[in-house]
């Protein structure tokens, strides 16, 4: 096939032969080193200045691009600078404020409900604990881990569609359930790498390892990738 002519088959197959004999710790060390070189400054694409803003932005980012969210949030944060302001807003008014992010009715309901619980149970502050965060309306493990890692510096693994797809292709997990993937990655990554690894893999998934047409010939971790090995071996 035309696509495969772009690959250096013998060399890559030889590398994969070595990679196949590595234990998981040695293999992950190569992957982390390559990610560090490719994405040394990976960070969240959402703009925020505190945990509350990141929580709101992450809720808005569901089924919406980060670019669109970043266009909406400056005026939104000015209008609702904290949980107390957001908790008191009229539902219809909030829907209009976030309409361009899509699914605005459900998002407005989650935002208002989340803000109300923050005021009633947490003094208006975003709690820095996973168990408390996932009890907030509209907040799942992914959003909770985004806030913990990026806003509070607490090591966490964010499993979004990019992290799920890329880690499956790399052969770091065989699971499809986000929670199971999270725990698989926790087993093979040192805790101090959880947050940065998540940022790097998300960026990699957006720029290189896309769902439909991954740019495998430009991939910095292809030498340790099961998907690529199967591709150049003719199994894909």
C-alpha atoms as a PDB file:
ATOM      1  CA  UNK A   1       0.000   0.000   0.000  1.00  0.00           C
ATOM      2  CA  UNK A   2       1.119   3.550  -0.645  1.00  0.00           C
ATOM      3  CA  UNK A   3       1.007   4.527   3.021  1.00  0.00           C
ATOM      4  CA  UNK A   4       3.430   1.813   4.041  1.00  0.00           C
ATOM      5  CA  UNK A   5       6.077   2.985   1.579  1.00  0.00           C
ATOM      6  CA  UNK A   6       6.717   5.851   3.948  1.00  0.00           C
ATOM      7  CA  UNK A   7       7.888   3.512   6.699  1.00  0.00           C
ATOM      8  CA  UNK A   8      11.391   2.163   7.141  1.00  0.00           C
ATOM      9  CA  UNK A   9      10.159  -1.389   7.578  1.00  0.00           C
ATOM     10  CA  UNK A  10      13.328  -3.330   8.425  1.00  0.00           C
ATOM     11  CA  UNK A  11      14.540  -0.825  10.997  1.00  0.00           C
ATOM     12  CA  UNK A  12      11.191  -0.431  12.684  1.00  0.00           C
ATOM     13  CA  UNK A  13      10.581  -4.156  12.759  1.00  0.00           C
ATOM     14  CA  UNK A  14      13.995  -4.633  14.338  1.00  0.00           C
ATOM     15  CA  UNK A  15      13.210  -2.053  17.000  1.00  0.00           C
ATOM     16  CA  UNK A  16       9.884  -3.688  17.647  1.00  0.00           C
ATOM     17  CA  UNK A  17      11.610  -7.016  18.043  1.00  0.00           C
ATOM     18  CA  UNK A  18      13.690  -5.533  20.856  1.00  0.00           C
ATOM     19  CA  UNK A  19      10.700  -3.737  22.347  1.00  0.00           C
ATOM     20  CA  UNK A  20       8.754  -6.996  22.460  1.00  0.00           C
ATOM     21  CA  UNK A  21      11.347  -8.508  24.810  1.00  0.00           C
ATOM     22  CA  UNK A  22      11.365  -5.548  27.215  1.00  0.00           C
ATOM     23  CA  UNK A  23       9.533  -5.702  30.503  1.00  0.00           C
ATOM     24  CA  UNK A  24       6.844  -3.094  31.004  1.00  0.00           C
ATOM     25  CA  UNK A  25       9.028  -0.802  33.121  1.00  0.00           C
ATOM     26  CA  UNK A  26      11.750  -0.623  30.471  1.00  0.00           C
ATOM     27  CA  UNK A  27       9.204  -0.120  27.721  1.00  0.00           C
ATOM     28  CA  UNK A  28       7.377   2.660  29.548  1.00  0.00           C
ATOM     29  CA  UNK A  29      10.683   4.389  30.276  1.00  0.00           C
ATOM     30  CA  UNK A  30      11.355   4.634  26.530  1.00  0.00           C
ATOM     31  CA  UNK A  31       7.835   5.938  25.899  1.00  0.00           C
ATOM     32  CA  UNK A  32       8.139   8.566  28.636  1.00  0.00           C
ATOM     33  CA  UNK A  33      11.524   9.693  27.354  1.00  0.00           C
ATOM     34  CA  UNK A  34      10.138  10.103  23.830  1.00  0.00           C
ATOM     35  CA  UNK A  35       7.101  11.995  25.113  1.00  0.00           C
ATOM     36  CA  UNK A  36       9.311  14.314  27.146  1.00  0.00           C
ATOM     37  CA  UNK A  37      11.311  15.177  24.049  1.00  0.00           C
ATOM     38  CA  UNK A  38       8.232  15.653  21.864  1.00  0.00           C
ATOM     39  CA  UNK A  39       6.016  17.482  24.398  1.00  0.00           C
ATOM     40  CA  UNK A  40       8.230  18.952  27.136  1.00  0.00           C
ATOM     41  CA  UNK A  41       5.736  21.666  28.058  1.00  0.00           C
ATOM     42  CA  UNK A  42       2.416  19.846  27.652  1.00  0.00           C
ATOM     43  CA  UNK A  43      -0.350  21.458  29.703  1.00  0.00           C
ATOM     44  CA  UNK A  44      -4.137  21.784  29.641  1.00  0.00           C
ATOM     45  CA  UNK A  45      -5.500  23.655  26.631  1.00  0.00           C
ATOM     46  CA  UNK A  46      -8.296  25.186  28.707  1.00  0.00           C
ATOM     47  CA  UNK A  47      -7.623  28.652  30.117  1.00  0.00           C
ATOM     48  CA  UNK A  48      -8.147  29.125  33.852  1.00  0.00           C
ATOM     49  CA  UNK A  49      -6.706  30.933  36.847  1.00  0.00           C
ATOM     50  CA  UNK A  50      -8.098  28.847  39.697  1.00  0.00           C
ATOM     51  CA  UNK A  51      -9.804  25.535  40.478  1.00  0.00           C
ATOM     52  CA  UNK A  52     -13.322  26.962  40.113  1.00  0.00           C
ATOM     53  CA  UNK A  53     -12.609  28.276  36.620  1.00  0.00           C
ATOM     54  CA  UNK A  54     -11.050  24.995  35.559  1.00  0.00           C
ATOM     55  CA  UNK A  55     -14.036  23.066  36.904  1.00  0.00           C
ATOM     56  CA  UNK A  56     -16.435  25.246  34.911  1.00  0.00           C
ATOM     57  CA  UNK A  57     -14.311  25.107  31.758  1.00  0.00           C
ATOM     58  CA  UNK A  58     -14.008  21.332  31.932  1.00  0.00           C
ATOM     59  CA  UNK A  59     -17.766  20.905  32.252  1.00  0.00           C
ATOM     60  CA  UNK A  60     -18.229  23.153  29.214  1.00  0.00           C
ATOM     61  CA  UNK A  61     -15.630  21.208  27.210  1.00  0.00           C
ATOM     62  CA  UNK A  62     -17.828  18.099  26.942  1.00  0.00           C
ATOM     63  CA  UNK A  63     -18.640  17.582  23.250  1.00  0.00           C
ATOM     64  CA  UNK A  64     -17.026  20.947  22.512  1.00  0.00           C
ATOM     65  CA  UNK A  65     -13.584  22.099  21.413  1.00  0.00           C
ATOM     66  CA  UNK A  66     -11.270  23.711  23.930  1.00  0.00           C
ATOM     67  CA  UNK A  67     -10.901  26.646  21.539  1.00  0.00           C
ATOM     68  CA  UNK A  68     -14.627  27.346  21.690  1.00  0.00           C
ATOM     69  CA  UNK A  69     -14.671  27.026  25.480  1.00  0.00           C
ATOM     70  CA  UNK A  70     -11.759  29.476  25.732  1.00  0.00           C
ATOM     71  CA  UNK A  71     -13.774  31.965  23.682  1.00  0.00           C
ATOM     72  CA  UNK A  72     -16.739  31.700  26.026  1.00  0.00           C
ATOM     73  CA  UNK A  73     -15.107  31.592  29.451  1.00  0.00           C
ATOM     74  CA  UNK A  74     -13.519  35.083  29.725  1.00  0.00           C
ATOM     75  CA  UNK A  75     -16.889  36.856  29.786  1.00  0.00           C
ATOM     76  CA  UNK A  76     -18.428  33.981  31.764  1.00  0.00           C
ATOM     77  CA  UNK A  77     -15.805  34.212  34.514  1.00  0.00           C
ATOM     78  CA  UNK A  78     -16.194  37.972  34.644  1.00  0.00           C
ATOM     79  CA  UNK A  79     -19.944  37.597  35.074  1.00  0.00           C
ATOM     80  CA  UNK A  80     -19.715  34.676  37.510  1.00  0.00           C
ATOM     81  CA  UNK A  81     -16.354  34.974  39.301  1.00  0.00           C
ATOM     82  CA  UNK A  82     -17.108  32.359  41.934  1.00  0.00           C
ATOM     83  CA  UNK A  83     -19.466  29.563  42.937  1.00  0.00           C
ATOM     84  CA  UNK A  84     -21.783  31.889  44.840  1.00  0.00           C
ATOM     85  CA  UNK A  85     -22.438  34.047  41.791  1.00  0.00           C
ATOM     86  CA  UNK A  86     -23.011  31.016  39.595  1.00  0.00           C
ATOM     87  CA  UNK A  87     -25.330  29.366  42.115  1.00  0.00           C
ATOM     88  CA  UNK A  88     -27.706  32.335  42.039  1.00  0.00           C
ATOM     89  CA  UNK A  89     -27.993  32.787  38.269  1.00  0.00           C
ATOM     90  CA  UNK A  90     -31.247  32.179  36.446  1.00  0.00           C
ATOM     91  CA  UNK A  91     -31.085  28.886  34.547  1.00  0.00           C
ATOM     92  CA  UNK A  92     -32.278  30.394  31.256  1.00  0.00           C
ATOM     93  CA  UNK A  93     -29.780  33.223  31.474  1.00  0.00           C
ATOM     94  CA  UNK A  94     -26.937  30.773  32.054  1.00  0.00           C
ATOM     95  CA  UNK A  95     -28.086  28.665  29.102  1.00  0.00           C
ATOM     96  CA  UNK A  96     -27.852  31.711  26.876  1.00  0.00           C
ATOM     97  CA  UNK A  97     -24.393  32.531  28.219  1.00  0.00           C
ATOM     98  CA  UNK A  98     -23.012  29.114  27.234  1.00  0.00           C
ATOM     99  CA  UNK A  99     -25.232  28.299  24.255  1.00  0.00           C
ATOM    100  CA  UNK A 100     -22.356  28.201  21.747  1.00  0.00           C
ATOM    101  CA  UNK A 101     -20.656  25.317  23.610  1.00  0.00           C
ATOM    102  CA  UNK A 102     -23.485  22.914  22.732  1.00  0.00           C
ATOM    103  CA  UNK A 103     -25.690  20.822  25.030  1.00  0.00           C
ATOM    104  CA  UNK A 104     -26.181  24.093  26.874  1.00  0.00           C
ATOM    105  CA  UNK A 105     -29.260  23.041  28.846  1.00  0.00           C
ATOM    106  CA  UNK A 106     -27.582  20.037  30.457  1.00  0.00           C
ATOM    107  CA  UNK A 107     -24.370  21.977  30.997  1.00  0.00           C
ATOM    108  CA  UNK A 108     -26.199  24.884  32.597  1.00  0.00           C
ATOM    109  CA  UNK A 109     -28.011  22.483  34.912  1.00  0.00           C
ATOM    110  CA  UNK A 110     -24.719  20.856  35.902  1.00  0.00           C
ATOM    111  CA  UNK A 111     -22.947  24.181  36.412  1.00  0.00           C
ATOM    112  CA  UNK A 112     -25.698  25.676  38.564  1.00  0.00           C
ATOM    113  CA  UNK A 113     -26.183  22.475  40.556  1.00  0.00           C
ATOM    114  CA  UNK A 114     -22.444  22.092  41.065  1.00  0.00           C
ATOM    115  CA  UNK A 115     -22.111  25.692  42.229  1.00  0.00           C
ATOM    116  CA  UNK A 116     -24.985  25.292  44.675  1.00  0.00           C
ATOM    117  CA  UNK A 117     -23.406  22.219  46.276  1.00  0.00           C
ATOM    118  CA  UNK A 118     -20.033  23.985  46.459  1.00  0.00           C
ATOM    119  CA  UNK A 119     -21.678  26.832  48.378  1.00  0.00           C
ATOM    120  CA  UNK A 120     -23.805  24.618  50.615  1.00  0.00           C
ATOM    121  CA  UNK A 121     -21.215  21.979  51.499  1.00  0.00           C
ATOM    122  CA  UNK A 122     -17.764  23.414  50.754  1.00  0.00           C
ATOM    123  CA  UNK A 123     -17.985  27.092  51.558  1.00  0.00           C
ATOM    124  CA  UNK A 124     -17.933  27.984  47.884  1.00  0.00           C
ATOM    125  CA  UNK A 125     -14.523  26.375  47.360  1.00  0.00           C
ATOM    126  CA  UNK A 126     -13.652  23.484  45.049  1.00  0.00           C
ATOM    127  CA  UNK A 127     -12.568  20.565  47.252  1.00  0.00           C
ATOM    128  CA  UNK A 128      -9.147  19.049  46.485  1.00  0.00           C
ATOM    129  CA  UNK A 129     -10.331  15.480  47.037  1.00  0.00           C
ATOM    130  CA  UNK A 130     -11.477  12.997  44.405  1.00  0.00           C
ATOM    131  CA  UNK A 131     -14.264  11.533  46.535  1.00  0.00           C
ATOM    132  CA  UNK A 132     -15.739  14.978  47.193  1.00  0.00           C
ATOM    133  CA  UNK A 133     -15.408  16.135  43.591  1.00  0.00           C
ATOM    134  CA  UNK A 134     -17.203  13.163  42.051  1.00  0.00           C
ATOM    135  CA  UNK A 135     -20.182  13.809  44.331  1.00  0.00           C
ATOM    136  CA  UNK A 136     -20.735  17.200  42.695  1.00  0.00           C
ATOM    137  CA  UNK A 137     -23.488  17.374  40.028  1.00  0.00           C
ATOM    138  CA  UNK A 138     -22.116  16.751  36.549  1.00  0.00           C
ATOM    139  CA  UNK A 139     -18.644  15.777  37.766  1.00  0.00           C
ATOM    140  CA  UNK A 140     -17.116  12.391  36.910  1.00  0.00           C
ATOM    141  CA  UNK A 141     -13.659  10.972  37.519  1.00  0.00           C
ATOM    142  CA  UNK A 142     -12.236  12.561  34.369  1.00  0.00           C
ATOM    143  CA  UNK A 143     -13.244  16.095  35.338  1.00  0.00           C
ATOM    144  CA  UNK A 144     -12.234  15.504  38.944  1.00  0.00           C
ATOM    145  CA  UNK A 145      -8.784  14.322  37.893  1.00  0.00           C
ATOM    146  CA  UNK A 146      -8.367  17.297  35.550  1.00  0.00           C
ATOM    147  CA  UNK A 147      -8.982  19.653  38.480  1.00  0.00           C
ATOM    148  CA  UNK A 148      -6.805  17.737  40.929  1.00  0.00           C
ATOM    149  CA  UNK A 149      -3.835  17.542  38.589  1.00  0.00           C
ATOM    150  CA  UNK A 150      -3.922  20.935  36.876  1.00  0.00           C
ATOM    151  CA  UNK A 151      -5.364  23.177  39.588  1.00  0.00           C
ATOM    152  CA  UNK A 152      -4.051  21.551  42.762  1.00  0.00           C
ATOM    153  CA  UNK A 153      -0.916  19.756  41.582  1.00  0.00           C
ATOM    154  CA  UNK A 154      -2.182  16.458  42.973  1.00  0.00           C
ATOM    155  CA  UNK A 155      -0.988  13.565  40.780  1.00  0.00           C
ATOM    156  CA  UNK A 156      -3.886  12.229  38.721  1.00  0.00           C
ATOM    157  CA  UNK A 157      -4.515  10.400  35.477  1.00  0.00           C
ATOM    158  CA  UNK A 158      -7.089  11.875  33.136  1.00  0.00           C
ATOM    159  CA  UNK A 159      -8.651   9.284  30.837  1.00  0.00           C
ATOM    160  CA  UNK A 160     -10.454  11.067  28.027  1.00  0.00           C
ATOM    161  CA  UNK A 161     -11.016   9.687  24.524  1.00  0.00           C
ATOM    162  CA  UNK A 162      -7.446  10.545  23.507  1.00  0.00           C
ATOM    163  CA  UNK A 163      -5.808   8.858  26.480  1.00  0.00           C
ATOM    164  CA  UNK A 164      -8.018   5.807  26.065  1.00  0.00           C
ATOM    165  CA  UNK A 165      -7.274   5.459  22.365  1.00  0.00           C
ATOM    166  CA  UNK A 166      -3.532   6.131  22.512  1.00  0.00           C
ATOM    167  CA  UNK A 167      -2.782   3.918  25.496  1.00  0.00           C
ATOM    168  CA  UNK A 168      -4.728   1.072  23.911  1.00  0.00           C
ATOM    169  CA  UNK A 169      -2.738   1.460  20.707  1.00  0.00           C
ATOM    170  CA  UNK A 170       0.515   1.557  22.627  1.00  0.00           C
ATOM    171  CA  UNK A 171      -0.459  -1.675  24.342  1.00  0.00           C
ATOM    172  CA  UNK A 172      -0.420  -0.146  27.818  1.00  0.00           C
ATOM    173  CA  UNK A 173      -3.964  -1.347  28.483  1.00  0.00           C
ATOM    174  CA  UNK A 174      -6.423  -3.780  26.964  1.00  0.00           C
ATOM    175  CA  UNK A 175      -9.400  -2.220  28.683  1.00  0.00           C
ATOM    176  CA  UNK A 176     -11.936   0.151  27.171  1.00  0.00           C
ATOM    177  CA  UNK A 177     -13.580   1.309  30.391  1.00  0.00           C
ATOM    178  CA  UNK A 178     -12.013   4.653  31.437  1.00  0.00           C
ATOM    179  CA  UNK A 179     -11.799   3.739  35.119  1.00  0.00           C
ATOM    180  CA  UNK A 180     -10.077   0.438  34.355  1.00  0.00           C
ATOM    181  CA  UNK A 181      -7.678   2.216  31.999  1.00  0.00           C
ATOM    182  CA  UNK A 182      -6.900   4.726  34.748  1.00  0.00           C
ATOM    183  CA  UNK A 183      -6.022   1.961  37.187  1.00  0.00           C
ATOM    184  CA  UNK A 184      -3.959   0.101  34.569  1.00  0.00           C
ATOM    185  CA  UNK A 185      -1.877   3.238  33.990  1.00  0.00           C
ATOM    186  CA  UNK A 186      -1.516   3.847  37.719  1.00  0.00           C
ATOM    187  CA  UNK A 187       0.117   0.427  37.971  1.00  0.00           C
ATOM    188  CA  UNK A 188       2.816   1.076  35.362  1.00  0.00           C
ATOM    189  CA  UNK A 189       3.525   4.787  35.866  1.00  0.00           C
ATOM    190  CA  UNK A 190       5.247   6.328  38.842  1.00  0.00           C
ATOM    191  CA  UNK A 191       2.875   8.644  40.694  1.00  0.00           C
ATOM    192  CA  UNK A 192       4.915  11.751  39.903  1.00  0.00           C
ATOM    193  CA  UNK A 193       4.337  11.155  36.173  1.00  0.00           C
ATOM    194  CA  UNK A 194       0.562  10.696  36.214  1.00  0.00           C
ATOM    195  CA  UNK A 195      -0.448  14.286  35.485  1.00  0.00           C
ATOM    196  CA  UNK A 196       2.251  15.096  32.933  1.00  0.00           C
ATOM    197  CA  UNK A 197       1.721  11.795  31.122  1.00  0.00           C
ATOM    198  CA  UNK A 198      -1.971  12.632  30.770  1.00  0.00           C
ATOM    199  CA  UNK A 199      -1.226  16.061  29.286  1.00  0.00           C
ATOM    200  CA  UNK A 200       1.339  14.598  26.903  1.00  0.00           C
ATOM    201  CA  UNK A 201      -0.888  11.778  25.682  1.00  0.00           C
ATOM    202  CA  UNK A 202      -3.841  14.129  25.161  1.00  0.00           C
ATOM    203  CA  UNK A 203      -1.657  16.432  23.071  1.00  0.00           C
ATOM    204  CA  UNK A 204      -0.215  13.476  21.185  1.00  0.00           C
ATOM    205  CA  UNK A 205      -3.705  12.160  20.471  1.00  0.00           C
ATOM    206  CA  UNK A 206      -4.753  15.513  19.064  1.00  0.00           C
ATOM    207  CA  UNK A 207      -1.668  16.158  16.953  1.00  0.00           C
ATOM    208  CA  UNK A 208      -0.437  12.726  15.841  1.00  0.00           C
ATOM    209  CA  UNK A 209      -2.454   9.720  17.008  1.00  0.00           C
ATOM    210  CA  UNK A 210      -5.854  10.771  15.710  1.00  0.00           C
ATOM    211  CA  UNK A 211      -8.739   8.325  15.705  1.00  0.00           C
ATOM    212  CA  UNK A 212      -9.199   7.889  11.953  1.00  0.00           C
ATOM    213  CA  UNK A 213      -5.841   8.662  10.360  1.00  0.00           C
ATOM    214  CA  UNK A 214      -2.990   8.515  12.851  1.00  0.00           C
ATOM    215  CA  UNK A 215       0.258   9.988  11.543  1.00  0.00           C
ATOM    216  CA  UNK A 216       2.319   6.939  12.452  1.00  0.00           C
ATOM    217  CA  UNK A 217       5.268   7.952  10.249  1.00  0.00           C
ATOM    218  CA  UNK A 218       5.679  11.097  12.402  1.00  0.00           C
ATOM    219  CA  UNK A 219       5.071   9.438  15.747  1.00  0.00           C
ATOM    220  CA  UNK A 220       7.811   9.765  18.400  1.00  0.00           C
ATOM    221  CA  UNK A 221       6.655   6.600  20.200  1.00  0.00           C
ATOM    222  CA  UNK A 222       5.987   4.351  17.192  1.00  0.00           C
ATOM    223  CA  UNK A 223       8.916   2.077  18.081  1.00  0.00           C
ATOM    224  CA  UNK A 224       7.049   0.970  21.213  1.00  0.00           C
ATOM    225  CA  UNK A 225       3.523   0.977  19.765  1.00  0.00           C
ATOM    226  CA  UNK A 226       1.561  -2.234  19.218  1.00  0.00           C
ATOM    227  CA  UNK A 227      -0.742  -0.552  16.705  1.00  0.00           C
ATOM    228  CA  UNK A 228       2.200   0.565  14.555  1.00  0.00           C
ATOM    229  CA  UNK A 229       3.896  -2.796  14.839  1.00  0.00           C
ATOM    230  CA  UNK A 230       0.748  -4.484  13.542  1.00  0.00           C
ATOM    231  CA  UNK A 231       0.504  -1.882  10.782  1.00  0.00           C
ATOM    232  CA  UNK A 232       3.991  -2.412   9.400  1.00  0.00           C
ATOM    233  CA  UNK A 233       3.655  -6.161   9.887  1.00  0.00           C
ATOM    234  CA  UNK A 234       0.576  -6.160   7.651  1.00  0.00           C
ATOM    235  CA  UNK A 235      -1.889  -6.990  10.450  1.00  0.00           C
ATOM    236  CA  UNK A 236      -3.773  -3.700  10.098  1.00  0.00           C
END
